[in-house]
């Protein structure tokens, strides 16, 4: 048995598709297709989250720029008062020090939102003459992995069946 894909909810093997401990033999899948479903509110909110993160990044850059400009204005305007310079300098240094990890978290979140997409994807199949929705996923990357694994598994099942049929035909006396 070959495992084509495995995660905590879905397993695609050369024999069956397991979805949340429901086993569907690949031989029962007559036809498999995918479609984009109606996006839920939670999925549509990803676009809003991206906008908020982008807005926060722009505001952060502007605040850092204002801090640096304030420092220069303070240094140029009054060179005698070191305390007035050191306090804002410490604040700017602290902001710059924390900017790296904060930017990393924000950019990681934005990348994750972009990778997941903003649609809902469904994998459907014709099983014993009945149309069934097998999987509904809001993560485009995961959907692609599962669908491709299912395609490979079904291709291997079809090629294995054709090899068996050809071997059976070659082994018969009349070639049928």
C-alpha atoms as a PDB file:
ATOM      1  CA  UNK A   1       0.000   0.000   0.000  1.00  0.00           C
ATOM      2  CA  UNK A   2       1.323   3.418  -1.011  1.00  0.00           C
ATOM      3  CA  UNK A   3       0.451   6.528   1.019  1.00  0.00           C
ATOM      4  CA  UNK A   4       0.107   9.549  -1.272  1.00  0.00           C
ATOM      5  CA  UNK A   5      -1.024  12.094   1.322  1.00  0.00           C
ATOM      6  CA  UNK A   6      -1.591  12.129   5.059  1.00  0.00           C
ATOM      7  CA  UNK A   7      -2.669  14.762   7.561  1.00  0.00           C
ATOM      8  CA  UNK A   8      -4.784  14.762  10.709  1.00  0.00           C
ATOM      9  CA  UNK A   9      -8.113  14.490   8.784  1.00  0.00           C
ATOM     10  CA  UNK A  10      -7.347  13.022   5.357  1.00  0.00           C
ATOM     11  CA  UNK A  11      -5.322  10.034   4.201  1.00  0.00           C
ATOM     12  CA  UNK A  12      -4.996   9.090   0.509  1.00  0.00           C
ATOM     13  CA  UNK A  13      -3.550   5.639  -0.142  1.00  0.00           C
ATOM     14  CA  UNK A  14      -3.337   3.337  -3.147  1.00  0.00           C
ATOM     15  CA  UNK A  15      -6.358   1.432  -1.814  1.00  0.00           C
ATOM     16  CA  UNK A  16      -8.694   3.960  -0.202  1.00  0.00           C
ATOM     17  CA  UNK A  17      -9.481   7.505   0.772  1.00  0.00           C
ATOM     18  CA  UNK A  18      -9.891   8.044   4.519  1.00  0.00           C
ATOM     19  CA  UNK A  19     -11.676  11.213   5.618  1.00  0.00           C
ATOM     20  CA  UNK A  20     -12.152  11.565   9.386  1.00  0.00           C
ATOM     21  CA  UNK A  21     -12.036   7.749   9.823  1.00  0.00           C
ATOM     22  CA  UNK A  22     -14.560   7.138   7.003  1.00  0.00           C
ATOM     23  CA  UNK A  23     -12.979   4.727   4.517  1.00  0.00           C
ATOM     24  CA  UNK A  24     -13.930   4.980   0.841  1.00  0.00           C
ATOM     25  CA  UNK A  25     -12.254   2.388  -1.411  1.00  0.00           C
ATOM     26  CA  UNK A  26     -10.845   3.950  -4.575  1.00  0.00           C
ATOM     27  CA  UNK A  27     -12.617   1.317  -6.672  1.00  0.00           C
ATOM     28  CA  UNK A  28     -15.972   2.847  -5.616  1.00  0.00           C
ATOM     29  CA  UNK A  29     -15.008   6.291  -6.942  1.00  0.00           C
ATOM     30  CA  UNK A  30     -16.465   6.360 -10.452  1.00  0.00           C
ATOM     31  CA  UNK A  31     -15.702  10.017 -11.200  1.00  0.00           C
ATOM     32  CA  UNK A  32     -13.938  12.709  -9.128  1.00  0.00           C
ATOM     33  CA  UNK A  33     -14.023  16.473  -9.663  1.00  0.00           C
ATOM     34  CA  UNK A  34     -13.440  19.694  -7.759  1.00  0.00           C
ATOM     35  CA  UNK A  35     -15.211  23.040  -7.571  1.00  0.00           C
ATOM     36  CA  UNK A  36     -15.067  26.318  -5.734  1.00  0.00           C
ATOM     37  CA  UNK A  37     -17.771  26.625  -3.141  1.00  0.00           C
ATOM     38  CA  UNK A  38     -19.396  29.636  -1.556  1.00  0.00           C
ATOM     39  CA  UNK A  39     -16.908  31.302   0.764  1.00  0.00           C
ATOM     40  CA  UNK A  40     -17.885  31.533   4.404  1.00  0.00           C
ATOM     41  CA  UNK A  41     -17.568  34.746   6.420  1.00  0.00           C
ATOM     42  CA  UNK A  42     -14.505  33.404   8.222  1.00  0.00           C
ATOM     43  CA  UNK A  43     -12.763  32.826   4.893  1.00  0.00           C
ATOM     44  CA  UNK A  44     -13.785  36.219   3.473  1.00  0.00           C
ATOM     45  CA  UNK A  45     -12.386  37.913   6.578  1.00  0.00           C
ATOM     46  CA  UNK A  46      -8.878  36.842   5.510  1.00  0.00           C
ATOM     47  CA  UNK A  47      -8.854  39.688   2.992  1.00  0.00           C
ATOM     48  CA  UNK A  48      -9.769  42.138   5.743  1.00  0.00           C
ATOM     49  CA  UNK A  49      -7.049  40.724   7.978  1.00  0.00           C
ATOM     50  CA  UNK A  50      -4.493  41.246   5.222  1.00  0.00           C
ATOM     51  CA  UNK A  51      -5.598  44.863   4.881  1.00  0.00           C
ATOM     52  CA  UNK A  52      -5.386  45.474   8.624  1.00  0.00           C
ATOM     53  CA  UNK A  53      -1.910  43.921   8.810  1.00  0.00           C
ATOM     54  CA  UNK A  54      -0.735  45.999   5.845  1.00  0.00           C
ATOM     55  CA  UNK A  55      -2.184  49.153   7.407  1.00  0.00           C
ATOM     56  CA  UNK A  56      -0.447  48.345  10.706  1.00  0.00           C
ATOM     57  CA  UNK A  57       2.877  47.879   8.931  1.00  0.00           C
ATOM     58  CA  UNK A  58       2.537  51.241   7.180  1.00  0.00           C
ATOM     59  CA  UNK A  59       1.611  53.002  10.445  1.00  0.00           C
ATOM     60  CA  UNK A  60       4.577  51.351  12.194  1.00  0.00           C
ATOM     61  CA  UNK A  61       6.973  52.584   9.523  1.00  0.00           C
ATOM     62  CA  UNK A  62       5.501  56.085   9.734  1.00  0.00           C
ATOM     63  CA  UNK A  63       5.842  56.138  13.531  1.00  0.00           C
ATOM     64  CA  UNK A  64       9.469  55.018  13.298  1.00  0.00           C
ATOM     65  CA  UNK A  65      10.128  57.717  10.697  1.00  0.00           C
ATOM     66  CA  UNK A  66       8.520  60.360  12.924  1.00  0.00           C
ATOM     67  CA  UNK A  67      10.684  59.155  15.838  1.00  0.00           C
ATOM     68  CA  UNK A  68      13.857  59.452  13.795  1.00  0.00           C
ATOM     69  CA  UNK A  69      12.856  62.922  12.553  1.00  0.00           C
ATOM     70  CA  UNK A  70      12.096  63.971  16.139  1.00  0.00           C
ATOM     71  CA  UNK A  71      15.540  62.763  17.193  1.00  0.00           C
ATOM     72  CA  UNK A  72      17.260  64.760  14.469  1.00  0.00           C
ATOM     73  CA  UNK A  73      15.226  67.856  15.275  1.00  0.00           C
ATOM     74  CA  UNK A  74      16.082  67.527  18.969  1.00  0.00           C
ATOM     75  CA  UNK A  75      19.798  67.026  18.297  1.00  0.00           C
ATOM     76  CA  UNK A  76      20.029  69.926  15.880  1.00  0.00           C
ATOM     77  CA  UNK A  77      17.816  72.286  17.897  1.00  0.00           C
ATOM     78  CA  UNK A  78      19.347  71.937  21.341  1.00  0.00           C
ATOM     79  CA  UNK A  79      22.765  70.379  21.652  1.00  0.00           C
ATOM     80  CA  UNK A  80      23.215  71.066  25.389  1.00  0.00           C
ATOM     81  CA  UNK A  81      20.443  68.984  26.926  1.00  0.00           C
ATOM     82  CA  UNK A  82      21.601  65.360  26.721  1.00  0.00           C
ATOM     83  CA  UNK A  83      18.594  64.007  28.630  1.00  0.00           C
ATOM     84  CA  UNK A  84      16.170  65.285  26.051  1.00  0.00           C
ATOM     85  CA  UNK A  85      18.126  63.445  23.384  1.00  0.00           C
ATOM     86  CA  UNK A  86      18.868  60.204  25.219  1.00  0.00           C
ATOM     87  CA  UNK A  87      15.276  59.451  26.219  1.00  0.00           C
ATOM     88  CA  UNK A  88      13.832  59.598  22.669  1.00  0.00           C
ATOM     89  CA  UNK A  89      16.957  57.817  21.406  1.00  0.00           C
ATOM     90  CA  UNK A  90      16.302  54.959  23.829  1.00  0.00           C
ATOM     91  CA  UNK A  91      12.687  54.828  22.626  1.00  0.00           C
ATOM     92  CA  UNK A  92      13.695  54.692  18.969  1.00  0.00           C
ATOM     93  CA  UNK A  93      16.316  52.019  19.655  1.00  0.00           C
ATOM     94  CA  UNK A  94      13.704  49.968  21.528  1.00  0.00           C
ATOM     95  CA  UNK A  95      11.226  50.361  18.657  1.00  0.00           C
ATOM     96  CA  UNK A  96      13.832  49.295  16.124  1.00  0.00           C
ATOM     97  CA  UNK A  97      14.815  46.344  18.327  1.00  0.00           C
ATOM     98  CA  UNK A  98      11.234  45.124  18.583  1.00  0.00           C
ATOM     99  CA  UNK A  99      10.440  45.925  14.957  1.00  0.00           C
ATOM    100  CA  UNK A 100      12.172  42.796  13.638  1.00  0.00           C
ATOM    101  CA  UNK A 101      10.146  40.214  15.575  1.00  0.00           C
ATOM    102  CA  UNK A 102       6.918  42.200  15.161  1.00  0.00           C
ATOM    103  CA  UNK A 103       7.486  42.518  11.414  1.00  0.00           C
ATOM    104  CA  UNK A 104       8.303  38.817  11.215  1.00  0.00           C
ATOM    105  CA  UNK A 105       5.036  37.867  12.910  1.00  0.00           C
ATOM    106  CA  UNK A 106       2.992  40.263  10.792  1.00  0.00           C
ATOM    107  CA  UNK A 107       4.583  39.185   7.509  1.00  0.00           C
ATOM    108  CA  UNK A 108       4.243  35.498   8.434  1.00  0.00           C
ATOM    109  CA  UNK A 109       0.538  36.016   9.120  1.00  0.00           C
ATOM    110  CA  UNK A 110       0.130  37.820   5.795  1.00  0.00           C
ATOM    111  CA  UNK A 111       1.941  35.010   3.932  1.00  0.00           C
ATOM    112  CA  UNK A 112      -0.256  32.409   5.605  1.00  0.00           C
ATOM    113  CA  UNK A 113      -3.405  34.292   4.618  1.00  0.00           C
ATOM    114  CA  UNK A 114      -2.204  34.611   1.042  1.00  0.00           C
ATOM    115  CA  UNK A 115      -1.281  30.915   0.826  1.00  0.00           C
ATOM    116  CA  UNK A 116      -4.636  29.797   2.159  1.00  0.00           C
ATOM    117  CA  UNK A 117      -6.549  31.889  -0.345  1.00  0.00           C
ATOM    118  CA  UNK A 118     -10.005  33.345   0.072  1.00  0.00           C
ATOM    119  CA  UNK A 119     -12.169  30.637  -1.481  1.00  0.00           C
ATOM    120  CA  UNK A 120     -13.618  27.373  -0.282  1.00  0.00           C
ATOM    121  CA  UNK A 121     -12.678  24.345  -2.349  1.00  0.00           C
ATOM    122  CA  UNK A 122     -14.647  21.115  -2.575  1.00  0.00           C
ATOM    123  CA  UNK A 123     -13.729  17.661  -3.821  1.00  0.00           C
ATOM    124  CA  UNK A 124     -16.739  15.719  -5.053  1.00  0.00           C
ATOM    125  CA  UNK A 125     -17.132  12.199  -6.393  1.00  0.00           C
ATOM    126  CA  UNK A 126     -19.638   9.886  -7.976  1.00  0.00           C
ATOM    127  CA  UNK A 127     -19.831   6.937  -5.578  1.00  0.00           C
ATOM    128  CA  UNK A 128     -22.056   4.009  -6.556  1.00  0.00           C
ATOM    129  CA  UNK A 129     -24.061   6.323  -8.826  1.00  0.00           C
ATOM    130  CA  UNK A 130     -24.571   9.048  -6.188  1.00  0.00           C
ATOM    131  CA  UNK A 131     -22.896  12.460  -6.183  1.00  0.00           C
ATOM    132  CA  UNK A 132     -21.183  13.164  -2.858  1.00  0.00           C
ATOM    133  CA  UNK A 133     -19.079  15.999  -1.532  1.00  0.00           C
ATOM    134  CA  UNK A 134     -16.034  14.360   0.008  1.00  0.00           C
ATOM    135  CA  UNK A 135     -14.080  17.326   1.329  1.00  0.00           C
ATOM    136  CA  UNK A 136     -14.710  21.045   1.829  1.00  0.00           C
ATOM    137  CA  UNK A 137     -11.501  22.987   2.539  1.00  0.00           C
ATOM    138  CA  UNK A 138     -10.744  26.686   2.862  1.00  0.00           C
ATOM    139  CA  UNK A 139      -6.971  26.168   2.528  1.00  0.00           C
ATOM    140  CA  UNK A 140      -5.935  26.300  -1.150  1.00  0.00           C
ATOM    141  CA  UNK A 141      -2.490  24.798  -0.522  1.00  0.00           C
ATOM    142  CA  UNK A 142      -3.849  21.807   1.405  1.00  0.00           C
ATOM    143  CA  UNK A 143      -6.641  21.341  -1.135  1.00  0.00           C
ATOM    144  CA  UNK A 144      -4.104  21.160  -3.962  1.00  0.00           C
ATOM    145  CA  UNK A 145      -2.046  18.537  -2.154  1.00  0.00           C
ATOM    146  CA  UNK A 146      -5.064  16.362  -1.397  1.00  0.00           C
ATOM    147  CA  UNK A 147      -6.563  16.628  -4.888  1.00  0.00           C
ATOM    148  CA  UNK A 148      -3.259  15.865  -6.598  1.00  0.00           C
ATOM    149  CA  UNK A 149      -2.654  12.875  -4.308  1.00  0.00           C
ATOM    150  CA  UNK A 150      -6.135  11.565  -5.114  1.00  0.00           C
ATOM    151  CA  UNK A 151      -5.459  12.004  -8.836  1.00  0.00           C
ATOM    152  CA  UNK A 152      -2.189  10.069  -8.578  1.00  0.00           C
ATOM    153  CA  UNK A 153      -3.848   7.294  -6.582  1.00  0.00           C
ATOM    154  CA  UNK A 154      -6.693   6.974  -9.095  1.00  0.00           C
ATOM    155  CA  UNK A 155      -4.247   7.005 -12.031  1.00  0.00           C
ATOM    156  CA  UNK A 156      -2.243   4.220 -10.420  1.00  0.00           C
ATOM    157  CA  UNK A 157      -5.415   2.193  -9.778  1.00  0.00           C
ATOM    158  CA  UNK A 158      -6.470   2.623 -13.427  1.00  0.00           C
ATOM    159  CA  UNK A 159      -3.040   1.653 -14.767  1.00  0.00           C
ATOM    160  CA  UNK A 160      -2.928  -1.367 -12.440  1.00  0.00           C
ATOM    161  CA  UNK A 161      -6.377  -2.506 -13.631  1.00  0.00           C
ATOM    162  CA  UNK A 162      -5.388  -2.134 -17.301  1.00  0.00           C
ATOM    163  CA  UNK A 163      -2.224  -4.183 -16.693  1.00  0.00           C
ATOM    164  CA  UNK A 164      -4.299  -6.923 -15.049  1.00  0.00           C
ATOM    165  CA  UNK A 165      -6.813  -6.864 -17.927  1.00  0.00           C
ATOM    166  CA  UNK A 166      -3.992  -7.088 -20.475  1.00  0.00           C
ATOM    167  CA  UNK A 167      -2.381  -9.983 -18.587  1.00  0.00           C
ATOM    168  CA  UNK A 168      -5.758 -11.746 -18.433  1.00  0.00           C
ATOM    169  CA  UNK A 169      -6.302 -11.249 -22.191  1.00  0.00           C
ATOM    170  CA  UNK A 170      -2.832 -12.571 -23.002  1.00  0.00           C
ATOM    171  CA  UNK A 171      -3.419 -15.601 -20.807  1.00  0.00           C
ATOM    172  CA  UNK A 172      -6.719 -16.618 -22.454  1.00  0.00           C
ATOM    173  CA  UNK A 173      -6.914 -18.924 -25.468  1.00  0.00           C
ATOM    174  CA  UNK A 174      -9.059 -16.708 -27.667  1.00  0.00           C
ATOM    175  CA  UNK A 175      -7.499 -13.359 -26.653  1.00  0.00           C
ATOM    176  CA  UNK A 176     -10.703 -11.934 -25.161  1.00  0.00           C
END
